Amino acid sequence: MFDGRPTLSFQGISFPIAEAAMELEAARLLVYKAAWMADRIYVERGGP
């Protein structure tokens, strides 16, 4: 709280936090896709 308002009500604070959350979610999805692709290649080649 600052000046009686929640901290996230200030655009200067909330926009960078929202952008960081978006980048984190994008990174997580990239990892999921990379793992899925690696697993798919592994299965197609018959495993060990």
PDB file of N, CA and C in Angstrom:
ATOM      1  N   MET A   1       0.836  -1.175   0.000  1.00  0.00           N
ATOM      2  CA  MET A   1       0.000   0.000   0.000  1.00  0.00           C
ATOM      3  C   MET A   1       0.886   1.245   0.000  1.00  0.00           C
ATOM      4  N   PHE A   2       0.492   2.182  -0.793  1.00  0.00           N
ATOM      5  CA  PHE A   2       1.167   3.474  -0.831  1.00  0.00           C
ATOM      6  C   PHE A   2       0.108   4.543  -1.012  1.00  0.00           C
ATOM      7  N   ASP A   3       0.085   5.487  -0.113  1.00  0.00           N
ATOM      8  CA  ASP A   3      -0.874   6.585  -0.177  1.00  0.00           C
ATOM      9  C   ASP A   3      -2.313   6.058  -0.174  1.00  0.00           C
ATOM     10  N   GLY A   4      -2.542   4.946   0.525  1.00  0.00           N
ATOM     11  CA  GLY A   4      -3.882   4.384   0.624  1.00  0.00           C
ATOM     12  C   GLY A   4      -4.326   3.571  -0.574  1.00  0.00           C
ATOM     13  N   ARG A   5      -3.452   3.389  -1.553  1.00  0.00           N
ATOM     14  CA  ARG A   5      -3.806   2.619  -2.760  1.00  0.00           C
ATOM     15  C   ARG A   5      -2.920   1.383  -2.846  1.00  0.00           C
ATOM     16  N   PRO A   6      -3.448   0.294  -3.405  1.00  0.00           N
ATOM     17  CA  PRO A   6      -2.609  -0.897  -3.606  1.00  0.00           C
ATOM     18  C   PRO A   6      -1.445  -0.581  -4.546  1.00  0.00           C
ATOM     19  N   THR A   7      -0.304  -1.177  -4.284  1.00  0.00           N
ATOM     20  CA  THR A   7       0.891  -0.908  -5.078  1.00  0.00           C
ATOM     21  C   THR A   7       0.662  -1.185  -6.558  1.00  0.00           C
ATOM     22  N   LEU A   8      -0.067  -2.246  -6.896  1.00  0.00           N
ATOM     23  CA  LEU A   8      -0.270  -2.605  -8.298  1.00  0.00           C
ATOM     24  C   LEU A   8      -1.228  -1.674  -9.029  1.00  0.00           C
ATOM     25  N   SER A   9      -1.839  -0.741  -8.333  1.00  0.00           N
ATOM     26  CA  SER A   9      -2.713   0.211  -9.019  1.00  0.00           C
ATOM     27  C   SER A   9      -1.907   1.285  -9.747  1.00  0.00           C
ATOM     28  N   PHE A  10      -0.610   1.346  -9.509  1.00  0.00           N
ATOM     29  CA  PHE A  10       0.254   2.309 -10.186  1.00  0.00           C
ATOM     30  C   PHE A  10       0.803   1.677 -11.462  1.00  0.00           C
ATOM     31  N   GLN A  11       0.607   2.340 -12.603  1.00  0.00           N
ATOM     32  CA  GLN A  11       1.030   1.780 -13.888  1.00  0.00           C
ATOM     33  C   GLN A  11       2.532   1.550 -13.943  1.00  0.00           C
ATOM     34  N   GLY A  12       3.306   2.427 -13.335  1.00  0.00           N
ATOM     35  CA  GLY A  12       4.762   2.286 -13.354  1.00  0.00           C
ATOM     36  C   GLY A  12       5.236   1.012 -12.691  1.00  0.00           C
ATOM     37  N   ILE A  13       4.435   0.459 -11.820  1.00  0.00           N
ATOM     38  CA  ILE A  13       4.770  -0.800 -11.141  1.00  0.00           C
ATOM     39  C   ILE A  13       4.093  -1.980 -11.826  1.00  0.00           C
ATOM     40  N   SER A  14       2.827  -1.818 -12.176  1.00  0.00           N
ATOM     41  CA  SER A  14       2.068  -2.965 -12.674  1.00  0.00           C
ATOM     42  C   SER A  14       2.488  -3.394 -14.076  1.00  0.00           C
ATOM     43  N   PHE A  15       2.860  -2.462 -14.953  1.00  0.00           N
ATOM     44  CA  PHE A  15       3.251  -2.853 -16.309  1.00  0.00           C
ATOM     45  C   PHE A  15       4.522  -3.701 -16.322  1.00  0.00           C
ATOM     46  N   PRO A  16       5.601  -3.301 -15.632  1.00  0.00           N
ATOM     47  CA  PRO A  16       6.781  -4.181 -15.622  1.00  0.00           C
ATOM     48  C   PRO A  16       6.504  -5.553 -15.009  1.00  0.00           C
ATOM     49  N   ILE A  17       5.652  -5.607 -13.987  1.00  0.00           N
ATOM     50  CA  ILE A  17       5.317  -6.900 -13.386  1.00  0.00           C
ATOM     51  C   ILE A  17       4.527  -7.750 -14.374  1.00  0.00           C
ATOM     52  N   ALA A  18       3.595  -7.138 -15.096  1.00  0.00           N
ATOM     53  CA  ALA A  18       2.817  -7.875 -16.095  1.00  0.00           C
ATOM     54  C   ALA A  18       3.714  -8.367 -17.224  1.00  0.00           C
ATOM     55  N   GLU A  19       4.661  -7.539 -17.661  1.00  0.00           N
ATOM     56  CA  GLU A  19       5.581  -7.960 -18.720  1.00  0.00           C
ATOM     57  C   GLU A  19       6.465  -9.108 -18.256  1.00  0.00           C
ATOM     58  N   ALA A  20       6.940  -9.048 -17.019  1.00  0.00           N
ATOM     59  CA  ALA A  20       7.767 -10.133 -16.488  1.00  0.00           C
ATOM     60  C   ALA A  20       6.964 -11.426 -16.402  1.00  0.00           C
ATOM     61  N   ALA A  21       5.714 -11.338 -15.985  1.00  0.00           N
ATOM     62  CA  ALA A  21       4.861 -12.530 -15.915  1.00  0.00           C
ATOM     63  C   ALA A  21       4.631 -13.113 -17.302  1.00  0.00           C
ATOM     64  N   MET A  22       4.451 -12.243 -18.289  1.00  0.00           N
ATOM     65  CA  MET A  22       4.241 -12.698 -19.660  1.00  0.00           C
ATOM     66  C   MET A  22       5.497 -13.397 -20.195  1.00  0.00           C
ATOM     67  N   GLU A  23       6.668 -12.819 -19.927  1.00  0.00           N
ATOM     68  CA  GLU A  23       7.911 -13.435 -20.390  1.00  0.00           C
ATOM     69  C   GLU A  23       8.156 -14.771 -19.694  1.00  0.00           C
ATOM     70  N   LEU A  24       7.815 -14.857 -18.428  1.00  0.00           N
ATOM     71  CA  LEU A  24       7.970 -16.117 -17.700  1.00  0.00           C
ATOM     72  C   LEU A  24       7.068 -17.201 -18.284  1.00  0.00           C
ATOM     73  N   GLU A  25       5.835 -16.850 -18.586  1.00  0.00           N
ATOM     74  CA  GLU A  25       4.907 -17.816 -19.185  1.00  0.00           C
ATOM     75  C   GLU A  25       5.384 -18.244 -20.570  1.00  0.00           C
ATOM     76  N   ALA A  26       5.911 -17.299 -21.358  1.00  0.00           N
ATOM     77  CA  ALA A  26       6.432 -17.630 -22.685  1.00  0.00           C
ATOM     78  C   ALA A  26       7.620 -18.582 -22.568  1.00  0.00           C
ATOM     79  N   ALA A  27       8.501 -18.340 -21.602  1.00  0.00           N
ATOM     80  CA  ALA A  27       9.652 -19.220 -21.400  1.00  0.00           C
ATOM     81  C   ALA A  27       9.196 -20.616 -20.997  1.00  0.00           C
ATOM     82  N   ARG A  28       8.198 -20.688 -20.126  1.00  0.00           N
ATOM     83  CA  ARG A  28       7.683 -21.990 -19.702  1.00  0.00           C
ATOM     84  C   ARG A  28       7.111 -22.757 -20.893  1.00  0.00           C
ATOM     85  N   LEU A  29       6.359 -22.071 -21.746  1.00  0.00           N
ATOM     86  CA  LEU A  29       5.782 -22.734 -22.914  1.00  0.00           C
ATOM     87  C   LEU A  29       6.864 -23.193 -23.890  1.00  0.00           C
ATOM     88  N   LEU A  30       7.943 -22.415 -24.033  1.00  0.00           N
ATOM     89  CA  LEU A  30       9.053 -22.837 -24.895  1.00  0.00           C
ATOM     90  C   LEU A  30       9.711 -24.105 -24.360  1.00  0.00           C
ATOM     91  N   VAL A  31       9.862 -24.191 -23.050  1.00  0.00           N
ATOM     92  CA  VAL A  31      10.449 -25.396 -22.451  1.00  0.00           C
ATOM     93  C   VAL A  31       9.539 -26.596 -22.683  1.00  0.00           C
ATOM     94  N   TYR A  32       8.226 -26.414 -22.493  1.00  0.00           N
ATOM     95  CA  TYR A  32       7.285 -27.508 -22.737  1.00  0.00           C
ATOM     96  C   TYR A  32       7.349 -27.979 -24.188  1.00  0.00           C
ATOM     97  N   LYS A  33       7.411 -27.041 -25.121  1.00  0.00           N
ATOM     98  CA  LYS A  33       7.455 -27.425 -26.529  1.00  0.00           C
ATOM     99  C   LYS A  33       8.765 -28.132 -26.860  1.00  0.00           C
ATOM    100  N   ALA A  34       9.879 -27.635 -26.328  1.00  0.00           N
ATOM    101  CA  ALA A  34      11.169 -28.281 -26.577  1.00  0.00           C
ATOM    102  C   ALA A  34      11.177 -29.703 -26.019  1.00  0.00           C
ATOM    103  N   ALA A  35      10.615 -29.891 -24.829  1.00  0.00           N
ATOM    104  CA  ALA A  35      10.556 -31.230 -24.237  1.00  0.00           C
ATOM    105  C   ALA A  35       9.659 -32.143 -25.063  1.00  0.00           C
ATOM    106  N   TRP A  36       8.534 -31.620 -25.529  1.00  0.00           N
ATOM    107  CA  TRP A  36       7.625 -32.411 -26.360  1.00  0.00           C
ATOM    108  C   TRP A  36       8.312 -32.822 -27.653  1.00  0.00           C
ATOM    109  N   MET A  37       9.035 -31.876 -28.286  1.00  0.00           N
ATOM    110  CA  MET A  37       9.721 -32.186 -29.542  1.00  0.00           C
ATOM    111  C   MET A  37      10.822 -33.218 -29.323  1.00  0.00           C
ATOM    112  N   ALA A  38      11.579 -33.084 -28.230  1.00  0.00           N
ATOM    113  CA  ALA A  38      12.639 -34.045 -27.941  1.00  0.00           C
ATOM    114  C   ALA A  38      12.048 -35.427 -27.699  1.00  0.00           C
ATOM    115  N   ASP A  39      10.955 -35.502 -26.975  1.00  0.00           N
ATOM    116  CA  ASP A  39      10.301 -36.783 -26.711  1.00  0.00           C
ATOM    117  C   ASP A  39       9.780 -37.398 -27.999  1.00  0.00           C
ATOM    118  N   ARG A  40       9.220 -36.583 -28.845  1.00  0.00           N
ATOM    119  CA  ARG A  40       8.678 -37.069 -30.118  1.00  0.00           C
ATOM    120  C   ARG A  40       9.786 -37.654 -30.996  1.00  0.00           C
ATOM    121  N   ILE A  41      10.909 -36.971 -31.077  1.00  0.00           N
ATOM    122  CA  ILE A  41      12.038 -37.469 -31.870  1.00  0.00           C
ATOM    123  C   ILE A  41      12.555 -38.778 -31.272  1.00  0.00           C
ATOM    124  N   TYR A  42      12.635 -38.829 -29.930  1.00  0.00           N
ATOM    125  CA  TYR A  42      13.108 -40.025 -29.245  1.00  0.00           C
ATOM    126  C   TYR A  42      12.211 -41.220 -29.558  1.00  0.00           C
ATOM    127  N   VAL A  43      10.909 -41.025 -29.514  1.00  0.00           N
ATOM    128  CA  VAL A  43       9.957 -42.109 -29.778  1.00  0.00           C
ATOM    129  C   VAL A  43      10.018 -42.529 -31.243  1.00  0.00           C
ATOM    130  N   GLU A  44      10.099 -41.571 -32.156  1.00  0.00           N
ATOM    131  CA  GLU A  44      10.142 -41.892 -33.586  1.00  0.00           C
ATOM    132  C   GLU A  44      11.386 -42.693 -33.949  1.00  0.00           C
ATOM    133  N   ARG A  45      12.476 -42.456 -33.241  1.00  0.00           N
ATOM    134  CA  ARG A  45      13.718 -43.173 -33.541  1.00  0.00           C
ATOM    135  C   ARG A  45      13.828 -44.490 -32.788  1.00  0.00           C
ATOM    136  N   GLY A  46      12.835 -44.819 -32.014  1.00  0.00           N
ATOM    137  CA  GLY A  46      12.809 -46.129 -31.366  1.00  0.00           C
ATOM    138  C   GLY A  46      13.394 -46.185 -29.980  1.00  0.00           C
ATOM    139  N   GLY A  47      13.775 -45.078 -29.411  1.00  0.00           N
ATOM    140  CA  GLY A  47      14.316 -45.084 -28.054  1.00  0.00           C
ATOM    141  C   GLY A  47      15.689 -45.728 -28.004  1.00  0.00           C
ATOM    142  N   PRO A  48      16.103 -46.170 -26.797  1.00  0.00           N
ATOM    143  CA  PRO A  48      17.463 -46.744 -26.652  1.00  0.00           C
ATOM    144  C   PRO A  48      17.596 -48.123 -27.238  1.00  0.00           C
TER     145      PRO A  48
END
